[in-house]
C-alpha atoms as a PDB file:
ATOM      1  CA  UNK A   1      13.473  -6.403  11.803  1.00  0.00           C
ATOM      2  CA  UNK A   2      11.132  -5.932   9.408  1.00  0.00           C
ATOM      3  CA  UNK A   3      10.531  -1.337   7.839  1.00  0.00           C
ATOM      4  CA  UNK A   4       6.895  -1.473   8.822  1.00  0.00           C
ATOM      5  CA  UNK A   5       4.517  -2.729  11.461  1.00  0.00           C
ATOM      6  CA  UNK A   6       1.639  -4.068  12.832  1.00  0.00           C
ATOM      7  CA  UNK A   7      -0.130  -1.332  15.336  1.00  0.00           C
ATOM      8  CA  UNK A   8      -2.974  -2.551  16.422  1.00  0.00           C
ATOM      9  CA  UNK A   9      -5.955  -5.729  14.138  1.00  0.00           C
ATOM     10  CA  UNK A  10      -9.177  -5.356  15.584  1.00  0.00           C
ATOM     11  CA  UNK A  11     -12.071  -3.796  13.849  1.00  0.00           C
ATOM     12  CA  UNK A  12      -9.977  -1.098  12.151  1.00  0.00           C
ATOM     13  CA  UNK A  13      -6.113  -1.695  11.302  1.00  0.00           C
ATOM     14  CA  UNK A  14      -2.870   0.892  11.821  1.00  0.00           C
ATOM     15  CA  UNK A  15       0.720  -0.042   9.934  1.00  0.00           C
ATOM     16  CA  UNK A  16       3.768   2.191  10.841  1.00  0.00           C
ATOM     17  CA  UNK A  17       6.509   2.778   8.313  1.00  0.00           C
ATOM     18  CA  UNK A  18       9.695   4.124   7.653  1.00  0.00           C
ATOM     19  CA  UNK A  19      12.312   4.289   5.211  1.00  0.00           C
ATOM     20  CA  UNK A  20      15.284   6.533   3.709  1.00  0.00           C
ATOM     21  CA  UNK A  21      13.042   8.495   1.147  1.00  0.00           C
ATOM     22  CA  UNK A  22       9.164   8.350   0.684  1.00  0.00           C
ATOM     23  CA  UNK A  23       8.856   6.411  -2.441  1.00  0.00           C
ATOM     24  CA  UNK A  24      10.104   2.845  -0.177  1.00  0.00           C
ATOM     25  CA  UNK A  25       7.747   4.685   2.875  1.00  0.00           C
ATOM     26  CA  UNK A  26       5.077   3.768   0.552  1.00  0.00           C
ATOM     27  CA  UNK A  27       6.517   1.063  -1.282  1.00  0.00           C
ATOM     28  CA  UNK A  28       6.645  -0.328   2.205  1.00  0.00           C
ATOM     29  CA  UNK A  29       3.256   1.070   3.870  1.00  0.00           C
ATOM     30  CA  UNK A  30       1.720  -0.232   0.074  1.00  0.00           C
ATOM     31  CA  UNK A  31       2.635  -4.049   1.195  1.00  0.00           C
ATOM     32  CA  UNK A  32       2.178  -3.653   4.133  1.00  0.00           C
ATOM     33  CA  UNK A  33      -1.194  -3.903   3.482  1.00  0.00           C
ATOM     34  CA  UNK A  34      -1.575  -6.265   1.649  1.00  0.00           C
ATOM     35  CA  UNK A  35       0.311  -8.826   3.544  1.00  0.00           C
ATOM     36  CA  UNK A  36      -1.989  -8.078   6.173  1.00  0.00           C
ATOM     37  CA  UNK A  37      -4.663  -9.222   4.104  1.00  0.00           C
ATOM     38  CA  UNK A  38      -2.640 -12.595   4.031  1.00  0.00           C
ATOM     39  CA  UNK A  39      -3.939 -12.588   0.911  1.00  0.00           C
ATOM     40  CA  UNK A  40      -3.788 -16.555  -0.735  1.00  0.00           C
ATOM     41  CA  UNK A  41      -1.345 -17.486  -3.985  1.00  0.00           C
ATOM     42  CA  UNK A  42      -2.286 -20.279  -6.003  1.00  0.00           C
ATOM     43  CA  UNK A  43       0.740 -21.812  -5.693  1.00  0.00           C
ATOM     44  CA  UNK A  44      -0.397 -25.072  -8.011  1.00  0.00           C
ATOM     45  CA  UNK A  45      -0.784 -23.532 -11.735  1.00  0.00           C
ATOM     46  CA  UNK A  46       3.624 -23.435 -12.474  1.00  0.00           C
ATOM     47  CA  UNK A  47       3.952 -20.257 -13.038  1.00  0.00           C
ATOM     48  CA  UNK A  48       1.282 -17.415 -11.450  1.00  0.00           C
ATOM     49  CA  UNK A  49      -0.267 -14.290 -13.234  1.00  0.00           C
ATOM     50  CA  UNK A  50       1.877 -11.275 -13.317  1.00  0.00           C
ATOM     51  CA  UNK A  51      -0.435  -8.167 -13.066  1.00  0.00           C
ATOM     52  CA  UNK A  52       0.524  -3.753 -13.472  1.00  0.00           C
ATOM     53  CA  UNK A  53      -1.535  -1.599 -13.380  1.00  0.00           C
ATOM     54  CA  UNK A  54      -0.222   2.205 -13.897  1.00  0.00           C
ATOM     55  CA  UNK A  55      -1.062   4.671 -11.344  1.00  0.00           C
ATOM     56  CA  UNK A  56      -1.564   9.028 -11.458  1.00  0.00           C
ATOM     57  CA  UNK A  57      -2.873  11.228  -8.657  1.00  0.00           C
ATOM     58  CA  UNK A  58      -2.599  14.678  -8.252  1.00  0.00           C
ATOM     59  CA  UNK A  59      -3.770  16.401  -4.671  1.00  0.00           C
ATOM     60  CA  UNK A  60      -3.209  18.443  -1.961  1.00  0.00           C
ATOM     61  CA  UNK A  61      -0.706  16.604   0.474  1.00  0.00           C
ATOM     62  CA  UNK A  62       1.813  13.713   0.464  1.00  0.00           C
ATOM     63  CA  UNK A  63       0.017  12.759   2.805  1.00  0.00           C
ATOM     64  CA  UNK A  64      -3.709  12.974   1.382  1.00  0.00           C
ATOM     65  CA  UNK A  65      -1.334  11.311  -1.107  1.00  0.00           C
ATOM     66  CA  UNK A  66      -0.502   8.122   0.373  1.00  0.00           C
ATOM     67  CA  UNK A  67      -3.760   7.009   1.215  1.00  0.00           C
ATOM     68  CA  UNK A  68      -5.533   8.336  -2.034  1.00  0.00           C
ATOM     69  CA  UNK A  69      -2.461   5.853  -4.439  1.00  0.00           C
ATOM     70  CA  UNK A  70      -3.238   3.332  -1.268  1.00  0.00           C
ATOM     71  CA  UNK A  71      -6.827   3.294  -1.819  1.00  0.00           C
ATOM     72  CA  UNK A  72      -6.305   2.692  -6.217  1.00  0.00           C
ATOM     73  CA  UNK A  73      -4.025  -0.186  -4.808  1.00  0.00           C
ATOM     74  CA  UNK A  74      -6.932  -1.578  -2.815  1.00  0.00           C
ATOM     75  CA  UNK A  75     -10.162  -0.795  -5.855  1.00  0.00           C
ATOM     76  CA  UNK A  76      -7.582  -2.442  -8.313  1.00  0.00           C
ATOM     77  CA  UNK A  77      -7.404  -5.546  -5.213  1.00  0.00           C
ATOM     78  CA  UNK A  78     -10.881  -5.627  -5.548  1.00  0.00           C
ATOM     79  CA  UNK A  79     -11.397  -5.702  -9.161  1.00  0.00           C
ATOM     80  CA  UNK A  80      -8.730  -8.271  -9.953  1.00  0.00           C
ATOM     81  CA  UNK A  81      -8.668 -10.420  -6.907  1.00  0.00           C
ATOM     82  CA  UNK A  82      -5.288  -9.387  -6.975  1.00  0.00           C
ATOM     83  CA  UNK A  83      -2.221  -8.880  -4.403  1.00  0.00           C
ATOM     84  CA  UNK A  84       0.439  -5.066  -4.709  1.00  0.00           C
ATOM     85  CA  UNK A  85       3.153  -5.298  -3.374  1.00  0.00           C
ATOM     86  CA  UNK A  86       5.579  -3.268  -5.414  1.00  0.00           C
ATOM     87  CA  UNK A  87       5.876   0.026  -6.807  1.00  0.00           C
ATOM     88  CA  UNK A  88       7.749   1.599  -9.503  1.00  0.00           C
ATOM     89  CA  UNK A  89       7.655   5.568  -8.979  1.00  0.00           C
ATOM     90  CA  UNK A  90       7.741   7.483 -12.366  1.00  0.00           C
ATOM     91  CA  UNK A  91       7.432  10.736  -9.829  1.00  0.00           C
ATOM     92  CA  UNK A  92       7.342  11.400  -6.842  1.00  0.00           C
ATOM     93  CA  UNK A  93       6.566  15.054  -5.207  1.00  0.00           C
ATOM     94  CA  UNK A  94       4.337  15.843  -2.518  1.00  0.00           C
ATOM     95  CA  UNK A  95       1.435  16.765  -4.546  1.00  0.00           C
ATOM     96  CA  UNK A  96       1.635  14.488  -8.690  1.00  0.00           C
ATOM     97  CA  UNK A  97       2.428  10.472  -8.094  1.00  0.00           C
ATOM     98  CA  UNK A  98       2.990   8.243 -11.549  1.00  0.00           C
ATOM     99  CA  UNK A  99       3.843   4.720 -10.094  1.00  0.00           C
ATOM    100  CA  UNK A 100       3.138   1.427 -11.848  1.00  0.00           C
ATOM    101  CA  UNK A 101       1.841  -1.038  -9.347  1.00  0.00           C
ATOM    102  CA  UNK A 102       2.827  -4.951  -8.966  1.00  0.00           C
ATOM    103  CA  UNK A 103       0.578  -7.863  -8.456  1.00  0.00           C
ATOM    104  CA  UNK A 104      -0.037 -11.213  -8.076  1.00  0.00           C
ATOM    105  CA  UNK A 105      -3.608 -12.885  -8.537  1.00  0.00           C
ATOM    106  CA  UNK A 106      -4.563 -14.785  -5.465  1.00  0.00           C
ATOM    107  CA  UNK A 107      -6.710 -17.565  -4.531  1.00  0.00           C
ATOM    108  CA  UNK A 108      -8.648 -15.365  -2.318  1.00  0.00           C
ATOM    109  CA  UNK A 109      -7.917 -13.083   0.526  1.00  0.00           C
ATOM    110  CA  UNK A 110      -7.651 -13.889   4.771  1.00  0.00           C
ATOM    111  CA  UNK A 111      -8.569 -10.319   5.578  1.00  0.00           C
ATOM    112  CA  UNK A 112     -11.071  -7.715   3.969  1.00  0.00           C
ATOM    113  CA  UNK A 113      -9.208  -4.545   3.916  1.00  0.00           C
ATOM    114  CA  UNK A 114     -11.409  -2.228   2.992  1.00  0.00           C
ATOM    115  CA  UNK A 115     -10.731   1.288   2.213  1.00  0.00           C
ATOM    116  CA  UNK A 116      -7.623   3.531   3.922  1.00  0.00           C
ATOM    117  CA  UNK A 117      -8.270   6.579   6.297  1.00  0.00           C
ATOM    118  CA  UNK A 118      -7.272  10.326   5.722  1.00  0.00           C
ATOM    119  CA  UNK A 119      -8.340  10.482   9.537  1.00  0.00           C
ATOM    120  CA  UNK A 120      -5.117  10.279  11.850  1.00  0.00           C
ATOM    121  CA  UNK A 121      -2.949   9.529   8.353  1.00  0.00           C
ATOM    122  CA  UNK A 122       0.684  11.223   8.934  1.00  0.00           C
ATOM    123  CA  UNK A 123       3.676  10.836   6.605  1.00  0.00           C
ATOM    124  CA  UNK A 124       6.876  12.826   7.454  1.00  0.00           C
ATOM    125  CA  UNK A 125      10.666  13.453   7.829  1.00  0.00           C
ATOM    126  CA  UNK A 126      12.276  13.041  10.873  1.00  0.00           C
ATOM    127  CA  UNK A 127      15.850  13.562  10.798  1.00  0.00           C
ATOM    128  CA  UNK A 128      16.664  12.240   7.350  1.00  0.00           C
ATOM    129  CA  UNK A 129      13.747   9.543   7.386  1.00  0.00           C
ATOM    130  CA  UNK A 130      10.626   9.232   6.823  1.00  0.00           C
ATOM    131  CA  UNK A 131       7.521   8.016   8.479  1.00  0.00           C
ATOM    132  CA  UNK A 132       4.138   6.738   7.555  1.00  0.00           C
ATOM    133  CA  UNK A 133       1.252   5.767  10.186  1.00  0.00           C
ATOM    134  CA  UNK A 134      -2.260   4.960   7.930  1.00  0.00           C
ATOM    135  CA  UNK A 135      -5.132   3.618   9.824  1.00  0.00           C
ATOM    136  CA  UNK A 136      -7.745   1.042   7.535  1.00  0.00           C
ATOM    137  CA  UNK A 137     -10.854  -0.099   7.647  1.00  0.00           C
ATOM    138  CA  UNK A 138     -11.366  -3.868   8.005  1.00  0.00           C
END
């Protein structure tokens, strides 16, 4: 079973991610967003172009930071036509994030994910496991 699951798919997309750490939940949510966008990679080229981006965020709380983190990745993706699937965290507290996200250039996305929404967003620890639910406009 995948550590994230698609909860709905209409004009909105809702993703739930779980993991043992909040870093893992942030990473799985990132991967879930870009896999949901259905990227078409260019496998004709011998080696696909890899892209890295540094992300730094200060926010009021962990939930807002997750939304802002995902929106940064979506923004970078729109600008560069890149699917970001992996995140490496240098710092992740309840109010500050420093990370590097890793992606790969794509030919196109079959679904357009516009933005992560603050409405109904949550991340919390339950019984030693982290869980996040975020809704996206598509």
